[in-house]
Amino acid sequence: MVAQTNPFLGETATNLEALESLCRLAVEAKVDLLALPELAFTGYNIFERLDGLAEAIDGSIVTEAARLADRYNLHLLFGLAERQSNGELSNSAILLDDNGKHLATYNKRHLWDRENEFFTAGKKSCVVDTRFGKLGLMICYDNEFPEVARELAQAGAEIILSPTANMLPNTERQVLQIRARAMDNQCFVACINRSGVEETLHYCGNSIVAGPDGEVLGQLGLAAGSMIVDIDLARIDESRSHQDYLKDLRVLKGTHVFNGAES
């Protein structure tokens, strides 16, 4: 289930309380995974408040999310302003299994705008084997770099999940990028964006799940809401039976630049 939320800026406890309601909805719908946006429980525009809002993996946010994951038997994915053991801050995505176990942390590699002033860029990709498929993780601005999704797909990711906090006027480019990342790699790609307004930042919503041929399997509008999308992994093999981009890809070993004097 994709949850396109509108969190209260800086109100961690309030936003975590809302998570339990979402978990109940997910259980009623019999879903395996509940996915939330980038910096899901603090809000995104928190740069001047990061000292007080960033948390370690064993902090209150992940602890409470793990309790709910275990209680409701759900995998949870959400964004976190993570404080590393060395004091550095990362814009991270946290994946918990349905027993509340911490499966993976992905640190955002492509930092956008002011993020460069506060966060340290991640250096590794992340693919996790789960009982319902191999999940690859990326975050927001990573969506705009085809190499990130390609790297995940080449590492075996069948479903790529991207917690996001994308803003107006980027609705159409977000939809185009997610569909392209899915089609290029013949896998499923989900962008879990947020809605609402934080001071001068107006979020564009339009969370989207795309299938292996770039088809839209589900899409929300501007407002907060949720959607459930069934993923049939057999669609990947079906798509690749016609043409297999990952198999047929030819990697260039060098580029010859002509200077105009050659013929």
C-alpha atoms as a PDB file:
ATOM      1  CA  MET A   1       0.000   0.000   0.000  1.00  0.00           C
ATOM      2  CA  VAL A   2       1.312   3.434  -0.975  1.00  0.00           C
ATOM      3  CA  ALA A   3       0.508   6.096   1.633  1.00  0.00           C
ATOM      4  CA  GLN A   4       0.734   9.637   0.258  1.00  0.00           C
ATOM      5  CA  THR A   5       0.778  11.523   3.545  1.00  0.00           C
ATOM      6  CA  ASN A   6       0.827  15.162   4.607  1.00  0.00           C
ATOM      7  CA  PRO A   7       2.815  15.053   7.862  1.00  0.00           C
ATOM      8  CA  PHE A   8       2.781  17.820  10.426  1.00  0.00           C
ATOM      9  CA  LEU A   9       6.082  19.685  10.157  1.00  0.00           C
ATOM     10  CA  GLY A  10       8.357  18.750  13.049  1.00  0.00           C
ATOM     11  CA  GLU A  11       5.607  16.912  14.950  1.00  0.00           C
ATOM     12  CA  THR A  12       7.154  13.453  15.148  1.00  0.00           C
ATOM     13  CA  ALA A  13       4.869  12.038  17.832  1.00  0.00           C
ATOM     14  CA  THR A  14       1.718  13.187  16.031  1.00  0.00           C
ATOM     15  CA  ASN A  15       2.889  11.729  12.735  1.00  0.00           C
ATOM     16  CA  LEU A  16       3.736   8.406  14.379  1.00  0.00           C
ATOM     17  CA  GLU A  17       0.247   8.273  15.895  1.00  0.00           C
ATOM     18  CA  ALA A  18      -1.190   8.565  12.374  1.00  0.00           C
ATOM     19  CA  LEU A  19       0.944   5.592  11.294  1.00  0.00           C
ATOM     20  CA  GLU A  20      -1.138   3.206  13.397  1.00  0.00           C
ATOM     21  CA  SER A  21      -4.313   4.170  11.527  1.00  0.00           C
ATOM     22  CA  LEU A  22      -2.536   3.507   8.229  1.00  0.00           C
ATOM     23  CA  CYS A  23      -1.389   0.119   9.530  1.00  0.00           C
ATOM     24  CA  ARG A  24      -4.986  -0.792  10.375  1.00  0.00           C
ATOM     25  CA  LEU A  25      -6.098   0.153   6.869  1.00  0.00           C
ATOM     26  CA  ALA A  26      -3.299  -1.918   5.375  1.00  0.00           C
ATOM     27  CA  VAL A  27      -4.231  -4.971   7.457  1.00  0.00           C
ATOM     28  CA  GLU A  28      -7.880  -4.670   6.449  1.00  0.00           C
ATOM     29  CA  ALA A  29      -6.759  -4.615   2.811  1.00  0.00           C
ATOM     30  CA  LYS A  30      -4.481  -7.639   3.390  1.00  0.00           C
ATOM     31  CA  VAL A  31      -1.382  -5.965   1.977  1.00  0.00           C
ATOM     32  CA  ASP A  32       2.209  -7.081   2.586  1.00  0.00           C
ATOM     33  CA  LEU A  33       3.954  -3.710   2.556  1.00  0.00           C
ATOM     34  CA  LEU A  34       3.058  -0.196   3.662  1.00  0.00           C
ATOM     35  CA  ALA A  35       5.285   2.473   2.076  1.00  0.00           C
ATOM     36  CA  LEU A  36       5.519   6.130   3.162  1.00  0.00           C
ATOM     37  CA  PRO A  37       7.308   9.208   1.758  1.00  0.00           C
ATOM     38  CA  GLU A  38      10.725  10.770   2.285  1.00  0.00           C
ATOM     39  CA  LEU A  39      11.291  12.067   5.858  1.00  0.00           C
ATOM     40  CA  ALA A  40       7.845  10.702   6.607  1.00  0.00           C
ATOM     41  CA  PHE A  41       7.539  11.488  10.321  1.00  0.00           C
ATOM     42  CA  THR A  42       9.288  14.852  10.571  1.00  0.00           C
ATOM     43  CA  GLY A  43       8.274  16.552   7.346  1.00  0.00           C
ATOM     44  CA  TYR A  44      10.820  17.502   4.712  1.00  0.00           C
ATOM     45  CA  ASN A  45      11.558  21.200   5.247  1.00  0.00           C
ATOM     46  CA  ILE A  46      13.340  20.690   8.568  1.00  0.00           C
ATOM     47  CA  PHE A  47      16.886  21.740   7.724  1.00  0.00           C
ATOM     48  CA  GLU A  48      17.331  24.293  10.510  1.00  0.00           C
ATOM     49  CA  ARG A  49      15.785  21.824  12.973  1.00  0.00           C
ATOM     50  CA  LEU A  50      17.774  18.737  12.064  1.00  0.00           C
ATOM     51  CA  ASP A  51      19.828  18.808  15.260  1.00  0.00           C
ATOM     52  CA  GLY A  52      16.673  18.135  17.244  1.00  0.00           C
ATOM     53  CA  LEU A  53      14.773  15.959  14.773  1.00  0.00           C
ATOM     54  CA  ALA A  54      17.400  13.624  13.310  1.00  0.00           C
ATOM     55  CA  GLU A  55      17.562  10.234  15.010  1.00  0.00           C
ATOM     56  CA  ALA A  56      19.731   7.146  15.065  1.00  0.00           C
ATOM     57  CA  ILE A  57      18.332   3.825  13.868  1.00  0.00           C
ATOM     58  CA  ASP A  58      17.656   2.837  17.484  1.00  0.00           C
ATOM     59  CA  GLY A  59      15.782   6.100  18.165  1.00  0.00           C
ATOM     60  CA  SER A  60      12.103   6.594  18.930  1.00  0.00           C
ATOM     61  CA  ILE A  61      10.903   6.731  15.298  1.00  0.00           C
ATOM     62  CA  VAL A  62      12.289   3.394  14.158  1.00  0.00           C
ATOM     63  CA  THR A  63      11.488   1.799  17.528  1.00  0.00           C
ATOM     64  CA  GLU A  64       7.815   2.777  17.306  1.00  0.00           C
ATOM     65  CA  ALA A  65       7.580   1.863  13.619  1.00  0.00           C
ATOM     66  CA  ALA A  66       9.092  -1.544  14.405  1.00  0.00           C
ATOM     67  CA  ARG A  67       6.530  -2.098  17.166  1.00  0.00           C
ATOM     68  CA  LEU A  68       3.713  -1.376  14.736  1.00  0.00           C
ATOM     69  CA  ALA A  69       5.229  -3.511  11.980  1.00  0.00           C
ATOM     70  CA  ASP A  70       5.335  -6.424  14.403  1.00  0.00           C
ATOM     71  CA  ARG A  71       1.868  -5.776  15.846  1.00  0.00           C
ATOM     72  CA  TYR A  72       0.190  -5.522  12.442  1.00  0.00           C
ATOM     73  CA  ASN A  73       2.400  -8.070  10.654  1.00  0.00           C
ATOM     74  CA  LEU A  74       3.420  -5.562   7.968  1.00  0.00           C
ATOM     75  CA  HIS A  75       6.598  -4.653   6.157  1.00  0.00           C
ATOM     76  CA  LEU A  76       7.141  -0.890   6.536  1.00  0.00           C
ATOM     77  CA  LEU A  77       9.181   1.493   4.378  1.00  0.00           C
ATOM     78  CA  PHE A  78       9.655   5.139   5.321  1.00  0.00           C
ATOM     79  CA  GLY A  79      12.078   8.041   5.095  1.00  0.00           C
ATOM     80  CA  LEU A  80      14.172   9.140   8.081  1.00  0.00           C
ATOM     81  CA  ALA A  81      16.612  11.921   8.877  1.00  0.00           C
ATOM     82  CA  GLU A  82      19.244   9.548  10.230  1.00  0.00           C
ATOM     83  CA  ARG A  83      22.050  10.481  12.603  1.00  0.00           C
ATOM     84  CA  GLN A  84      25.028   8.223  11.982  1.00  0.00           C
ATOM     85  CA  SER A  85      27.302   7.013  14.777  1.00  0.00           C
ATOM     86  CA  ASN A  86      29.987   9.447  13.576  1.00  0.00           C
ATOM     87  CA  GLY A  87      27.567  12.388  13.859  1.00  0.00           C
ATOM     88  CA  GLU A  88      26.941  12.761  10.132  1.00  0.00           C
ATOM     89  CA  LEU A  89      23.362  13.072   8.907  1.00  0.00           C
ATOM     90  CA  SER A  90      21.831  10.983   6.120  1.00  0.00           C
ATOM     91  CA  ASN A  91      18.565  11.260   4.249  1.00  0.00           C
ATOM     92  CA  SER A  92      17.627   7.598   4.592  1.00  0.00           C
ATOM     93  CA  ALA A  93      14.997   5.017   3.723  1.00  0.00           C
ATOM     94  CA  ILE A  94      14.319   2.381   6.368  1.00  0.00           C
ATOM     95  CA  LEU A  95      12.833  -1.024   5.605  1.00  0.00           C
ATOM     96  CA  LEU A  96      11.369  -3.171   8.406  1.00  0.00           C
ATOM     97  CA  ASP A  97       9.956  -6.673   8.037  1.00  0.00           C
ATOM     98  CA  ASP A  98       6.642  -7.931   9.392  1.00  0.00           C
ATOM     99  CA  ASN A  99       8.253  -8.869  12.715  1.00  0.00           C
ATOM    100  CA  GLY A 100       9.645  -5.370  13.169  1.00  0.00           C
ATOM    101  CA  LYS A 101      13.154  -6.490  12.254  1.00  0.00           C
ATOM    102  CA  HIS A 102      15.344  -3.877  10.582  1.00  0.00           C
ATOM    103  CA  LEU A 103      16.027  -5.276   7.103  1.00  0.00           C
ATOM    104  CA  ALA A 104      17.846  -2.423   5.407  1.00  0.00           C
ATOM    105  CA  THR A 105      18.843   1.222   5.399  1.00  0.00           C
ATOM    106  CA  TYR A 106      19.502   3.112   2.190  1.00  0.00           C
ATOM    107  CA  ASN A 107      21.233   6.504   2.293  1.00  0.00           C
ATOM    108  CA  LYS A 108      20.193   8.889  -0.485  1.00  0.00           C
ATOM    109  CA  ARG A 109      22.989   9.238  -3.026  1.00  0.00           C
ATOM    110  CA  HIS A 110      21.852  12.247  -5.067  1.00  0.00           C
ATOM    111  CA  LEU A 111      21.237  15.191  -2.768  1.00  0.00           C
ATOM    112  CA  TRP A 112      19.047  18.006  -4.018  1.00  0.00           C
ATOM    113  CA  ASP A 113      19.498  21.722  -3.398  1.00  0.00           C
ATOM    114  CA  ARG A 114      19.854  22.492   0.353  1.00  0.00           C
ATOM    115  CA  GLU A 115      20.244  18.840   1.236  1.00  0.00           C
ATOM    116  CA  ASN A 116      23.897  19.212   0.255  1.00  0.00           C
ATOM    117  CA  GLU A 117      24.420  21.614   3.154  1.00  0.00           C
ATOM    118  CA  PHE A 118      23.170  19.186   5.804  1.00  0.00           C
ATOM    119  CA  PHE A 119      23.266  15.573   4.623  1.00  0.00           C
ATOM    120  CA  THR A 120      26.141  13.318   3.609  1.00  0.00           C
ATOM    121  CA  ALA A 121      25.536  11.529   0.302  1.00  0.00           C
ATOM    122  CA  GLY A 122      25.233   7.752   0.393  1.00  0.00           C
ATOM    123  CA  LYS A 123      27.784   5.627  -1.425  1.00  0.00           C
ATOM    124  CA  LYS A 124      26.035   2.265  -1.830  1.00  0.00           C
ATOM    125  CA  SER A 125      22.980   0.868  -3.594  1.00  0.00           C
ATOM    126  CA  CYS A 126      20.516  -1.347  -1.746  1.00  0.00           C
ATOM    127  CA  VAL A 127      18.658  -4.486  -2.857  1.00  0.00           C
ATOM    128  CA  VAL A 128      16.866  -6.611  -0.255  1.00  0.00           C
ATOM    129  CA  ASP A 129      15.461 -10.118  -0.652  1.00  0.00           C
ATOM    130  CA  THR A 130      11.979 -10.413   0.904  1.00  0.00           C
ATOM    131  CA  ARG A 131       9.293 -13.090   0.848  1.00  0.00           C
ATOM    132  CA  PHE A 132       7.413 -11.160  -1.843  1.00  0.00           C
ATOM    133  CA  GLY A 133      10.317 -10.236  -4.092  1.00  0.00           C
ATOM    134  CA  LYS A 134      13.657  -8.457  -4.310  1.00  0.00           C
ATOM    135  CA  LEU A 135      13.232  -4.804  -3.365  1.00  0.00           C
ATOM    136  CA  GLY A 136      15.546  -2.029  -4.521  1.00  0.00           C
ATOM    137  CA  LEU A 137      15.546   1.308  -2.704  1.00  0.00           C
ATOM    138  CA  MET A 138      16.142   4.843  -3.932  1.00  0.00           C
ATOM    139  CA  ILE A 139      14.949   8.265  -2.730  1.00  0.00           C
ATOM    140  CA  CYS A 140      13.388  11.224  -4.581  1.00  0.00           C
ATOM    141  CA  TYR A 141      16.148  12.982  -6.571  1.00  0.00           C
ATOM    142  CA  ASP A 142      17.650   9.549  -7.317  1.00  0.00           C
ATOM    143  CA  ASN A 143      14.602   9.048  -9.562  1.00  0.00           C
ATOM    144  CA  GLU A 144      16.038  11.559 -12.005  1.00  0.00           C
ATOM    145  CA  PHE A 145      19.239   9.592 -12.632  1.00  0.00           C
ATOM    146  CA  PRO A 146      18.579   6.521 -14.809  1.00  0.00           C
ATOM    147  CA  GLU A 147      21.801   4.940 -13.609  1.00  0.00           C
ATOM    148  CA  VAL A 148      20.409   4.402 -10.101  1.00  0.00           C
ATOM    149  CA  ALA A 149      17.444   2.277 -11.155  1.00  0.00           C
ATOM    150  CA  ARG A 150      19.583   0.450 -13.733  1.00  0.00           C
ATOM    151  CA  GLU A 151      22.116  -0.465 -11.056  1.00  0.00           C
ATOM    152  CA  LEU A 152      19.340  -1.805  -8.815  1.00  0.00           C
ATOM    153  CA  ALA A 153      17.795  -3.837 -11.631  1.00  0.00           C
ATOM    154  CA  GLN A 154      21.166  -5.286 -12.591  1.00  0.00           C
ATOM    155  CA  ALA A 155      21.561  -6.347  -8.945  1.00  0.00           C
ATOM    156  CA  GLY A 156      18.299  -8.275  -9.217  1.00  0.00           C
ATOM    157  CA  ALA A 157      15.683  -5.811  -7.963  1.00  0.00           C
ATOM    158  CA  GLU A 158      12.192  -6.749  -9.119  1.00  0.00           C
ATOM    159  CA  ILE A 159      10.408  -3.894  -7.343  1.00  0.00           C
ATOM    160  CA  ILE A 160      12.066  -0.500  -6.856  1.00  0.00           C
ATOM    161  CA  LEU A 161      10.603   1.706  -4.129  1.00  0.00           C
ATOM    162  CA  SER A 162      11.311   5.418  -3.844  1.00  0.00           C
ATOM    163  CA  PRO A 163      10.112   7.500  -0.877  1.00  0.00           C
ATOM    164  CA  THR A 164       9.851  11.021  -2.271  1.00  0.00           C
ATOM    165  CA  ALA A 165       9.094  14.651  -1.367  1.00  0.00           C
ATOM    166  CA  ASN A 166       8.704  16.127  -4.830  1.00  0.00           C
ATOM    167  CA  MET A 167       7.200  19.561  -5.413  1.00  0.00           C
ATOM    168  CA  LEU A 168       5.173  21.517  -7.888  1.00  0.00           C
ATOM    169  CA  PRO A 169       5.568  22.037 -10.826  1.00  0.00           C
ATOM    170  CA  ASN A 170       7.205  18.615 -11.215  1.00  0.00           C
ATOM    171  CA  THR A 171       4.114  16.416 -11.499  1.00  0.00           C
ATOM    172  CA  GLU A 172       4.486  15.455 -15.136  1.00  0.00           C
ATOM    173  CA  ARG A 173       8.220  14.900 -15.029  1.00  0.00           C
ATOM    174  CA  GLN A 174       7.830  12.705 -11.946  1.00  0.00           C
ATOM    175  CA  VAL A 175       5.278  10.517 -13.728  1.00  0.00           C
ATOM    176  CA  LEU A 176       7.449  10.361 -16.839  1.00  0.00           C
ATOM    177  CA  GLN A 177      10.582   9.482 -14.873  1.00  0.00           C
ATOM    178  CA  ILE A 178       8.970   6.662 -12.908  1.00  0.00           C
ATOM    179  CA  ARG A 179       7.382   5.154 -16.009  1.00  0.00           C
ATOM    180  CA  ALA A 180      10.715   5.396 -17.834  1.00  0.00           C
ATOM    181  CA  ARG A 181      12.683   3.820 -14.971  1.00  0.00           C
ATOM    182  CA  ALA A 182      10.215   0.915 -14.959  1.00  0.00           C
ATOM    183  CA  MET A 183      10.221   0.452 -18.738  1.00  0.00           C
ATOM    184  CA  ASP A 184      14.003   0.804 -19.120  1.00  0.00           C
ATOM    185  CA  ASN A 185      14.615  -1.924 -16.556  1.00  0.00           C
ATOM    186  CA  GLN A 186      11.475  -4.020 -17.084  1.00  0.00           C
ATOM    187  CA  CYS A 187      10.624  -4.105 -13.412  1.00  0.00           C
ATOM    188  CA  PHE A 188       8.110  -2.460 -11.075  1.00  0.00           C
ATOM    189  CA  VAL A 189       8.858   1.044  -9.776  1.00  0.00           C
ATOM    190  CA  ALA A 190       6.869   2.885  -7.112  1.00  0.00           C
ATOM    191  CA  CYS A 191       7.261   6.555  -6.203  1.00  0.00           C
ATOM    192  CA  ILE A 192       5.758   7.283  -2.785  1.00  0.00           C
ATOM    193  CA  ASN A 193       5.434  11.060  -2.812  1.00  0.00           C
ATOM    194  CA  ARG A 194       3.856  13.352  -0.247  1.00  0.00           C
ATOM    195  CA  SER A 195       1.241  16.080  -0.373  1.00  0.00           C
ATOM    196  CA  GLY A 196       0.599  19.382   1.372  1.00  0.00           C
ATOM    197  CA  VAL A 197       2.480  22.636   1.892  1.00  0.00           C
ATOM    198  CA  GLU A 198       5.458  23.490   4.101  1.00  0.00           C
ATOM    199  CA  GLU A 199       6.090  27.208   4.054  1.00  0.00           C
ATOM    200  CA  THR A 200       7.161  27.921   0.437  1.00  0.00           C
ATOM    201  CA  LEU A 201       7.277  24.258  -0.593  1.00  0.00           C
ATOM    202  CA  HIS A 202       4.153  22.919  -2.320  1.00  0.00           C
ATOM    203  CA  TYR A 203       4.304  19.142  -2.767  1.00  0.00           C
ATOM    204  CA  CYS A 204       2.883  17.647  -5.928  1.00  0.00           C
ATOM    205  CA  GLY A 205       1.567  14.275  -4.737  1.00  0.00           C
ATOM    206  CA  ASN A 206       0.808  12.039  -7.737  1.00  0.00           C
ATOM    207  CA  SER A 207       2.442   8.972  -6.226  1.00  0.00           C
ATOM    208  CA  ILE A 208       2.663   6.360  -8.941  1.00  0.00           C
ATOM    209  CA  VAL A 209       3.350   2.667  -9.455  1.00  0.00           C
ATOM    210  CA  ALA A 210       4.534   1.614 -12.909  1.00  0.00           C
ATOM    211  CA  GLY A 211       4.873  -1.861 -14.380  1.00  0.00           C
ATOM    212  CA  PRO A 212       7.632  -3.505 -16.462  1.00  0.00           C
ATOM    213  CA  ASP A 213       6.431  -1.994 -19.727  1.00  0.00           C
ATOM    214  CA  GLY A 214       6.016   1.478 -18.223  1.00  0.00           C
ATOM    215  CA  GLU A 215       2.268   1.053 -17.772  1.00  0.00           C
ATOM    216  CA  VAL A 216       0.619   2.977 -14.918  1.00  0.00           C
ATOM    217  CA  LEU A 217      -0.740   0.495 -12.384  1.00  0.00           C
ATOM    218  CA  GLY A 218      -1.903   3.133  -9.933  1.00  0.00           C
ATOM    219  CA  GLN A 219      -1.648   6.870  -9.443  1.00  0.00           C
ATOM    220  CA  LEU A 220      -2.895   9.307  -6.824  1.00  0.00           C
ATOM    221  CA  GLY A 221      -3.732  12.985  -7.220  1.00  0.00           C
ATOM    222  CA  LEU A 222      -2.556  16.077  -5.378  1.00  0.00           C
ATOM    223  CA  ALA A 223      -4.210  15.404  -2.008  1.00  0.00           C
ATOM    224  CA  ALA A 224      -3.191  12.990   0.725  1.00  0.00           C
ATOM    225  CA  GLY A 225      -4.507   9.461   0.266  1.00  0.00           C
ATOM    226  CA  SER A 226      -3.527   5.858  -0.233  1.00  0.00           C
ATOM    227  CA  MET A 227      -3.717   3.193  -2.914  1.00  0.00           C
ATOM    228  CA  ILE A 228      -3.254  -0.543  -3.123  1.00  0.00           C
ATOM    229  CA  VAL A 229      -1.506  -2.072  -6.107  1.00  0.00           C
ATOM    230  CA  ASP A 230      -1.139  -5.804  -6.682  1.00  0.00           C
ATOM    231  CA  ILE A 231       2.275  -6.791  -8.017  1.00  0.00           C
ATOM    232  CA  ASP A 232       2.514  -9.857 -10.247  1.00  0.00           C
ATOM    233  CA  LEU A 233       6.201 -10.659 -10.654  1.00  0.00           C
ATOM    234  CA  ALA A 234       5.403 -12.898 -13.620  1.00  0.00           C
ATOM    235  CA  ARG A 235       4.905  -9.677 -15.579  1.00  0.00           C
ATOM    236  CA  ILE A 236       8.683  -9.165 -15.515  1.00  0.00           C
ATOM    237  CA  ASP A 237       9.413 -12.399 -17.363  1.00  0.00           C
ATOM    238  CA  GLU A 238       6.549 -11.685 -19.742  1.00  0.00           C
ATOM    239  CA  SER A 239       7.987  -8.281 -20.611  1.00  0.00           C
ATOM    240  CA  ARG A 240      11.512  -9.622 -21.031  1.00  0.00           C
ATOM    241  CA  SER A 241      10.315 -12.455 -23.270  1.00  0.00           C
ATOM    242  CA  HIS A 242       9.773  -9.885 -26.057  1.00  0.00           C
ATOM    243  CA  GLN A 243      13.033  -8.007 -25.570  1.00  0.00           C
ATOM    244  CA  ASP A 244      15.357  -8.155 -22.583  1.00  0.00           C
ATOM    245  CA  TYR A 245      17.060  -4.791 -22.119  1.00  0.00           C
ATOM    246  CA  LEU A 246      19.325  -5.907 -19.282  1.00  0.00           C
ATOM    247  CA  LYS A 247      20.513  -8.919 -21.244  1.00  0.00           C
ATOM    248  CA  ASP A 248      20.933  -7.064 -24.535  1.00  0.00           C
ATOM    249  CA  LEU A 249      22.618  -3.968 -23.078  1.00  0.00           C
ATOM    250  CA  ARG A 250      26.031  -3.286 -24.568  1.00  0.00           C
ATOM    251  CA  VAL A 251      28.376  -1.347 -22.322  1.00  0.00           C
ATOM    252  CA  LEU A 252      30.838   0.864 -24.191  1.00  0.00           C
ATOM    253  CA  LYS A 253      34.465   0.502 -23.144  1.00  0.00           C
ATOM    254  CA  GLY A 254      35.426   3.888 -24.531  1.00  0.00           C
ATOM    255  CA  THR A 255      34.196   6.841 -26.557  1.00  0.00           C
ATOM    256  CA  HIS A 256      35.917   8.215 -29.660  1.00  0.00           C
ATOM    257  CA  VAL A 257      35.446  11.989 -29.812  1.00  0.00           C
ATOM    258  CA  PHE A 258      35.904  13.410 -33.298  1.00  0.00           C
ATOM    259  CA  ASN A 259      37.583  16.802 -33.462  1.00  0.00           C
ATOM    260  CA  GLY A 260      36.341  17.749 -36.921  1.00  0.00           C
ATOM    261  CA  ALA A 261      39.646  17.064 -38.686  1.00  0.00           C
ATOM    262  CA  GLU A 262      38.957  13.377 -39.088  1.00  0.00           C
ATOM    263  CA  SER A 263      37.013  11.797 -41.918  1.00  0.00           C
END
